[in-house]
Amino acid sequence: MTKRVLIIDDANLVRMYYRDALQRAGYETAEAMNGLEALEYLLAQPADLLIVDVNMPTMDGLTFLRALRRQALPLAATPALVTSTEAAQVDINAARAAGANFYLVKPIAQDLFLRYVALLCGGAPQGASR
């Protein structure tokens, strides 16, 4: 079964980078430009994983995660990989407190990114043999 990953980032180039890597690895992707768009998307269609930027207009990533974690299960339990250019421990702690499963600092090497995606989606990358 193909896993669906929702990419939530206001930067078009970043969304394209993630989308291309994920699709080449066999994942289905969807995109949102901020947390509000992401919540609207998830209320209509579930995702298996969220890639969440921290700094976005309208609704930032941490506000989005806090709102998501208040939703009913199974939506509230959707794994989230938070990405940001912010590398201080206080930023990582804030993301974890908001509900992030993992936190990666941008720029992220594609192989590392895909390893975390596979881990959060429950195993080997989509195209890999199990």
N, C-alpha and C. Protein backbone atom coordinates (compact mmCIF):
# COMPACT_ATOMS: atom_id res chain seq x y z
N MET A 1 0.85 -1.20 0.00
CA MET A 1 0.00 0.00 0.00
C MET A 1 0.88 1.25 0.00
N THR A 2 0.61 2.15 -0.90
CA THR A 2 1.40 3.37 -1.01
C THR A 2 1.08 4.31 0.14
N LYS A 3 2.12 4.82 0.76
CA LYS A 3 1.96 5.77 1.87
C LYS A 3 1.85 7.18 1.33
N ARG A 4 0.97 7.97 1.95
CA ARG A 4 0.76 9.36 1.54
C ARG A 4 1.45 10.29 2.53
N VAL A 5 2.27 11.20 2.00
CA VAL A 5 3.01 12.16 2.82
C VAL A 5 2.51 13.56 2.48
N LEU A 6 2.09 14.30 3.49
CA LEU A 6 1.67 15.69 3.32
C LEU A 6 2.85 16.60 3.65
N ILE A 7 3.28 17.38 2.67
CA ILE A 7 4.40 18.32 2.81
C ILE A 7 3.81 19.68 3.15
N ILE A 8 4.20 20.24 4.28
CA ILE A 8 3.66 21.52 4.73
C ILE A 8 4.82 22.50 4.85
N ASP A 9 4.93 23.38 3.86
CA ASP A 9 6.04 24.35 3.82
C ASP A 9 5.61 25.49 2.91
N ASP A 10 5.94 26.71 3.29
CA ASP A 10 5.55 27.86 2.47
C ASP A 10 6.51 28.09 1.30
N ALA A 11 7.66 27.45 1.29
CA ALA A 11 8.64 27.66 0.22
C ALA A 11 8.44 26.64 -0.91
N ASN A 12 8.12 27.13 -2.08
CA ASN A 12 7.86 26.27 -3.23
C ASN A 12 9.05 25.37 -3.55
N LEU A 13 10.26 25.92 -3.50
CA LEU A 13 11.45 25.14 -3.82
C LEU A 13 11.66 23.99 -2.83
N VAL A 14 11.39 24.24 -1.57
CA VAL A 14 11.52 23.20 -0.55
C VAL A 14 10.48 22.11 -0.78
N ARG A 15 9.24 22.51 -1.04
CA ARG A 15 8.19 21.51 -1.32
C ARG A 15 8.57 20.67 -2.52
N MET A 16 9.11 21.30 -3.56
CA MET A 16 9.52 20.57 -4.76
C MET A 16 10.64 19.57 -4.43
N TYR A 17 11.61 19.96 -3.64
CA TYR A 17 12.72 19.08 -3.24
C TYR A 17 12.17 17.84 -2.52
N TYR A 18 11.30 18.06 -1.53
CA TYR A 18 10.72 16.94 -0.79
C TYR A 18 9.85 16.08 -1.72
N ARG A 19 9.01 16.73 -2.50
CA ARG A 19 8.09 16.01 -3.39
C ARG A 19 8.86 15.11 -4.34
N ASP A 20 9.89 15.64 -4.98
CA ASP A 20 10.66 14.84 -5.93
C ASP A 20 11.32 13.65 -5.25
N ALA A 21 11.94 13.86 -4.10
CA ALA A 21 12.59 12.78 -3.37
C ALA A 21 11.58 11.71 -2.96
N LEU A 22 10.45 12.15 -2.43
CA LEU A 22 9.43 11.21 -1.97
C LEU A 22 8.81 10.42 -3.11
N GLN A 23 8.48 11.09 -4.19
CA GLN A 23 7.87 10.40 -5.32
C GLN A 23 8.83 9.40 -5.96
N ARG A 24 10.11 9.76 -6.06
CA ARG A 24 11.11 8.82 -6.59
C ARG A 24 11.23 7.59 -5.68
N ALA A 25 11.01 7.77 -4.39
CA ALA A 25 11.09 6.67 -3.44
C ALA A 25 9.78 5.88 -3.36
N GLY A 26 8.77 6.29 -4.11
CA GLY A 26 7.52 5.53 -4.18
C GLY A 26 6.40 6.02 -3.30
N TYR A 27 6.54 7.17 -2.68
CA TYR A 27 5.48 7.72 -1.84
C TYR A 27 4.54 8.59 -2.66
N GLU A 28 3.30 8.64 -2.23
CA GLU A 28 2.33 9.58 -2.78
C GLU A 28 2.47 10.87 -1.97
N THR A 29 2.37 12.03 -2.63
CA THR A 29 2.53 13.29 -1.91
C THR A 29 1.35 14.22 -2.11
N ALA A 30 1.16 15.09 -1.14
CA ALA A 30 0.23 16.20 -1.21
C ALA A 30 0.95 17.37 -0.56
N GLU A 31 0.45 18.59 -0.81
CA GLU A 31 1.16 19.77 -0.31
C GLU A 31 0.21 20.79 0.28
N ALA A 32 0.72 21.52 1.28
CA ALA A 32 0.03 22.65 1.87
C ALA A 32 1.06 23.73 2.12
N MET A 33 0.63 24.99 2.01
CA MET A 33 1.56 26.11 2.17
C MET A 33 1.64 26.65 3.59
N ASN A 34 0.75 26.18 4.47
CA ASN A 34 0.78 26.60 5.87
C ASN A 34 -0.04 25.62 6.71
N GLY A 35 0.00 25.80 8.00
CA GLY A 35 -0.69 24.88 8.89
C GLY A 35 -2.19 24.86 8.73
N LEU A 36 -2.80 26.00 8.43
CA LEU A 36 -4.24 26.05 8.25
C LEU A 36 -4.66 25.22 7.04
N GLU A 37 -3.95 25.37 5.92
CA GLU A 37 -4.23 24.55 4.73
C GLU A 37 -4.04 23.07 5.06
N ALA A 38 -3.04 22.76 5.85
CA ALA A 38 -2.77 21.36 6.20
C ALA A 38 -3.91 20.77 7.03
N LEU A 39 -4.39 21.52 8.01
CA LEU A 39 -5.52 21.03 8.82
C LEU A 39 -6.74 20.80 7.95
N GLU A 40 -7.03 21.72 7.05
CA GLU A 40 -8.17 21.56 6.15
C GLU A 40 -8.01 20.31 5.29
N TYR A 41 -6.81 20.09 4.79
CA TYR A 41 -6.53 18.91 3.97
C TYR A 41 -6.76 17.64 4.79
N LEU A 42 -6.19 17.59 5.98
CA LEU A 42 -6.25 16.38 6.80
C LEU A 42 -7.67 16.06 7.28
N LEU A 43 -8.49 17.07 7.45
CA LEU A 43 -9.88 16.80 7.84
C LEU A 43 -10.65 16.14 6.71
N ALA A 44 -10.21 16.34 5.48
CA ALA A 44 -10.86 15.73 4.31
C ALA A 44 -10.21 14.42 3.89
N GLN A 45 -8.91 14.30 4.09
CA GLN A 45 -8.17 13.14 3.61
C GLN A 45 -6.98 12.88 4.53
N PRO A 46 -6.87 11.68 5.07
CA PRO A 46 -5.75 11.40 5.97
C PRO A 46 -4.42 11.29 5.24
N ALA A 47 -3.35 11.42 6.01
CA ALA A 47 -1.99 11.21 5.51
C ALA A 47 -1.30 10.24 6.46
N ASP A 48 -0.28 9.57 5.95
CA ASP A 48 0.48 8.64 6.78
C ASP A 48 1.64 9.33 7.49
N LEU A 49 2.06 10.48 6.96
CA LEU A 49 3.17 11.23 7.53
C LEU A 49 3.05 12.69 7.15
N LEU A 50 3.50 13.56 8.05
CA LEU A 50 3.53 15.00 7.81
C LEU A 50 4.97 15.48 7.85
N ILE A 51 5.36 16.26 6.84
CA ILE A 51 6.64 16.96 6.84
C ILE A 51 6.28 18.41 7.12
N VAL A 52 6.70 18.93 8.27
CA VAL A 52 6.20 20.23 8.74
C VAL A 52 7.33 21.23 8.92
N ASP A 53 7.24 22.35 8.20
CA ASP A 53 8.17 23.47 8.39
C ASP A 53 7.72 24.22 9.64
N VAL A 54 8.63 24.87 10.31
CA VAL A 54 8.29 25.63 11.52
C VAL A 54 7.79 27.02 11.16
N ASN A 55 8.55 27.77 10.36
CA ASN A 55 8.24 29.17 10.09
C ASN A 55 7.42 29.31 8.81
N MET A 56 6.11 29.58 8.99
CA MET A 56 5.20 29.77 7.86
C MET A 56 4.20 30.86 8.22
N PRO A 57 3.67 31.54 7.21
CA PRO A 57 2.62 32.54 7.47
C PRO A 57 1.28 31.87 7.77
N THR A 58 0.33 32.62 8.21
CA THR A 58 -1.04 32.20 8.51
C THR A 58 -1.11 31.29 9.72
N MET A 59 -0.47 30.11 9.66
CA MET A 59 -0.36 29.23 10.83
C MET A 59 0.98 28.53 10.76
N ASP A 60 1.85 28.81 11.73
CA ASP A 60 3.19 28.21 11.71
C ASP A 60 3.11 26.73 12.07
N GLY A 61 4.22 26.04 11.90
CA GLY A 61 4.26 24.61 12.10
C GLY A 61 3.98 24.15 13.51
N LEU A 62 4.47 24.88 14.51
CA LEU A 62 4.25 24.46 15.88
C LEU A 62 2.80 24.67 16.31
N THR A 63 2.19 25.77 15.87
CA THR A 63 0.77 26.00 16.14
C THR A 63 -0.06 24.91 15.46
N PHE A 64 0.30 24.57 14.24
CA PHE A 64 -0.37 23.49 13.52
C PHE A 64 -0.28 22.17 14.29
N LEU A 65 0.92 21.82 14.76
CA LEU A 65 1.09 20.56 15.48
C LEU A 65 0.27 20.53 16.77
N ARG A 66 0.26 21.62 17.49
CA ARG A 66 -0.55 21.66 18.72
C ARG A 66 -2.03 21.47 18.39
N ALA A 67 -2.51 22.12 17.32
CA ALA A 67 -3.91 21.97 16.91
C ALA A 67 -4.18 20.54 16.45
N LEU A 68 -3.26 19.95 15.72
CA LEU A 68 -3.42 18.58 15.24
C LEU A 68 -3.50 17.59 16.40
N ARG A 69 -2.62 17.74 17.37
CA ARG A 69 -2.58 16.80 18.49
C ARG A 69 -3.82 16.90 19.37
N ARG A 70 -4.61 17.97 19.24
CA ARG A 70 -5.88 18.10 19.98
C ARG A 70 -7.04 17.44 19.24
N GLN A 71 -6.84 17.00 18.00
CA GLN A 71 -7.89 16.37 17.21
C GLN A 71 -8.15 14.95 17.72
N ALA A 72 -9.23 14.35 17.22
CA ALA A 72 -9.57 12.97 17.58
C ALA A 72 -8.59 12.00 16.92
N LEU A 73 -8.44 10.86 17.54
CA LEU A 73 -7.64 9.79 16.92
C LEU A 73 -8.41 9.23 15.73
N PRO A 74 -7.81 8.76 14.68
CA PRO A 74 -6.38 8.56 14.50
C PRO A 74 -5.65 9.81 13.97
N LEU A 75 -6.41 10.85 13.60
CA LEU A 75 -5.79 12.05 13.03
C LEU A 75 -4.71 12.63 13.95
N ALA A 76 -4.98 12.69 15.23
CA ALA A 76 -4.04 13.28 16.19
C ALA A 76 -2.73 12.51 16.28
N ALA A 77 -2.75 11.25 15.91
CA ALA A 77 -1.55 10.41 16.03
C ALA A 77 -0.70 10.38 14.76
N THR A 78 -1.06 11.15 13.75
CA THR A 78 -0.28 11.16 12.51
C THR A 78 1.15 11.59 12.81
N PRO A 79 2.14 10.78 12.42
CA PRO A 79 3.53 11.15 12.70
C PRO A 79 3.94 12.43 11.98
N ALA A 80 4.81 13.20 12.62
CA ALA A 80 5.25 14.48 12.06
C ALA A 80 6.77 14.60 12.15
N LEU A 81 7.36 14.87 11.00
CA LEU A 81 8.79 15.17 10.89
C LEU A 81 8.90 16.67 10.70
N VAL A 82 9.41 17.37 11.70
CA VAL A 82 9.52 18.82 11.65
C VAL A 82 10.88 19.20 11.07
N THR A 83 10.87 20.17 10.16
CA THR A 83 12.10 20.67 9.54
C THR A 83 12.18 22.18 9.73
N SER A 84 13.40 22.66 9.94
CA SER A 84 13.57 24.09 10.15
C SER A 84 15.04 24.47 9.94
N THR A 85 15.26 25.74 9.71
CA THR A 85 16.63 26.26 9.69
C THR A 85 17.10 26.60 11.10
N GLU A 86 16.17 26.59 12.05
CA GLU A 86 16.49 26.89 13.45
C GLU A 86 17.13 25.65 14.07
N ALA A 87 18.33 25.79 14.62
CA ALA A 87 19.07 24.63 15.11
C ALA A 87 19.31 24.64 16.61
N ALA A 88 18.81 25.64 17.32
CA ALA A 88 19.05 25.73 18.77
C ALA A 88 18.24 24.68 19.52
N GLN A 89 18.77 24.23 20.63
CA GLN A 89 18.08 23.22 21.44
C GLN A 89 16.70 23.69 21.87
N VAL A 90 16.55 24.98 22.13
CA VAL A 90 15.24 25.52 22.53
C VAL A 90 14.21 25.31 21.42
N ASP A 91 14.63 25.42 20.16
CA ASP A 91 13.72 25.20 19.02
C ASP A 91 13.33 23.74 18.92
N ILE A 92 14.30 22.86 19.10
CA ILE A 92 14.03 21.41 19.05
C ILE A 92 13.08 21.02 20.18
N ASN A 93 13.33 21.55 21.37
CA ASN A 93 12.46 21.26 22.51
C ASN A 93 11.04 21.77 22.28
N ALA A 94 10.91 22.94 21.69
CA ALA A 94 9.59 23.50 21.41
C ALA A 94 8.83 22.62 20.41
N ALA A 95 9.54 22.12 19.41
CA ALA A 95 8.90 21.24 18.43
C ALA A 95 8.45 19.94 19.07
N ARG A 96 9.29 19.37 19.91
CA ARG A 96 8.91 18.13 20.60
C ARG A 96 7.70 18.36 21.50
N ALA A 97 7.69 19.49 22.21
CA ALA A 97 6.57 19.81 23.10
C ALA A 97 5.27 20.00 22.31
N ALA A 98 5.39 20.48 21.08
CA ALA A 98 4.21 20.68 20.23
C ALA A 98 3.71 19.38 19.63
N GLY A 99 4.55 18.34 19.63
CA GLY A 99 4.10 17.05 19.11
C GLY A 99 4.91 16.48 17.97
N ALA A 100 6.11 17.03 17.71
CA ALA A 100 6.96 16.50 16.64
C ALA A 100 7.52 15.14 17.05
N ASN A 101 7.59 14.23 16.08
CA ASN A 101 8.23 12.94 16.32
C ASN A 101 9.74 13.05 16.15
N PHE A 102 10.17 13.79 15.13
CA PHE A 102 11.58 14.05 14.87
C PHE A 102 11.74 15.48 14.38
N TYR A 103 12.95 16.00 14.51
CA TYR A 103 13.27 17.38 14.10
C TYR A 103 14.57 17.33 13.32
N LEU A 104 14.54 17.80 12.08
CA LEU A 104 15.74 17.87 11.25
C LEU A 104 16.01 19.31 10.85
N VAL A 105 17.28 19.69 10.86
CA VAL A 105 17.69 21.04 10.51
C VAL A 105 17.99 21.11 9.02
N LYS A 106 17.40 22.10 8.35
CA LYS A 106 17.65 22.33 6.92
C LYS A 106 19.01 22.97 6.73
N PRO A 107 19.69 22.69 5.63
CA PRO A 107 19.29 21.78 4.56
C PRO A 107 19.48 20.33 5.00
N ILE A 108 18.63 19.46 4.46
CA ILE A 108 18.63 18.05 4.84
C ILE A 108 19.09 17.22 3.65
N ALA A 109 20.08 16.39 3.85
CA ALA A 109 20.54 15.48 2.80
C ALA A 109 19.41 14.52 2.46
N GLN A 110 19.23 14.25 1.19
CA GLN A 110 18.12 13.44 0.72
C GLN A 110 18.11 12.03 1.33
N ASP A 111 19.26 11.39 1.45
CA ASP A 111 19.28 10.04 2.01
C ASP A 111 18.86 10.03 3.48
N LEU A 112 19.29 11.02 4.24
CA LEU A 112 18.88 11.13 5.64
C LEU A 112 17.38 11.39 5.73
N PHE A 113 16.89 12.31 4.91
CA PHE A 113 15.47 12.64 4.87
C PHE A 113 14.65 11.38 4.62
N LEU A 114 15.02 10.61 3.61
CA LEU A 114 14.26 9.41 3.24
C LEU A 114 14.35 8.32 4.31
N ARG A 115 15.45 8.25 5.04
CA ARG A 115 15.55 7.29 6.14
C ARG A 115 14.55 7.63 7.25
N TYR A 116 14.45 8.91 7.59
CA TYR A 116 13.48 9.32 8.61
C TYR A 116 12.05 9.10 8.13
N VAL A 117 11.78 9.40 6.87
CA VAL A 117 10.45 9.17 6.30
C VAL A 117 10.09 7.69 6.41
N ALA A 118 11.00 6.82 5.99
CA ALA A 118 10.75 5.37 6.05
C ALA A 118 10.50 4.92 7.48
N LEU A 119 11.29 5.41 8.40
CA LEU A 119 11.13 5.05 9.81
C LEU A 119 9.74 5.44 10.31
N LEU A 120 9.32 6.66 10.01
CA LEU A 120 8.02 7.14 10.49
C LEU A 120 6.84 6.51 9.74
N CYS A 121 7.10 5.99 8.55
CA CYS A 121 6.04 5.32 7.79
C CYS A 121 5.99 3.83 8.07
N GLY A 122 6.86 3.36 8.94
CA GLY A 122 6.76 1.99 9.37
C GLY A 122 7.68 1.00 8.69
N GLY A 123 8.83 1.42 8.21
CA GLY A 123 9.77 0.43 7.68
C GLY A 123 10.64 0.94 6.57
N ALA A 124 10.95 0.04 5.66
CA ALA A 124 11.85 0.35 4.53
C ALA A 124 11.21 1.35 3.59
N PRO A 125 12.03 2.10 2.85
CA PRO A 125 11.47 3.00 1.84
C PRO A 125 10.55 2.26 0.89
N GLN A 126 9.57 2.95 0.36
CA GLN A 126 8.54 2.37 -0.49
C GLN A 126 9.10 1.46 -1.57
N GLY A 127 10.13 1.88 -2.26
CA GLY A 127 10.65 1.10 -3.39
C GLY A 127 11.58 -0.02 -2.98
N ALA A 128 11.93 -0.11 -1.71
CA ALA A 128 12.90 -1.11 -1.25
C ALA A 128 12.21 -2.44 -0.97
N SER A 129 12.96 -3.51 -1.09
CA SER A 129 12.40 -4.82 -0.76
C SER A 129 12.37 -4.97 0.76
N ARG A 130 11.38 -5.69 1.24
CA ARG A 130 11.20 -5.85 2.69
C ARG A 130 11.61 -7.22 3.14
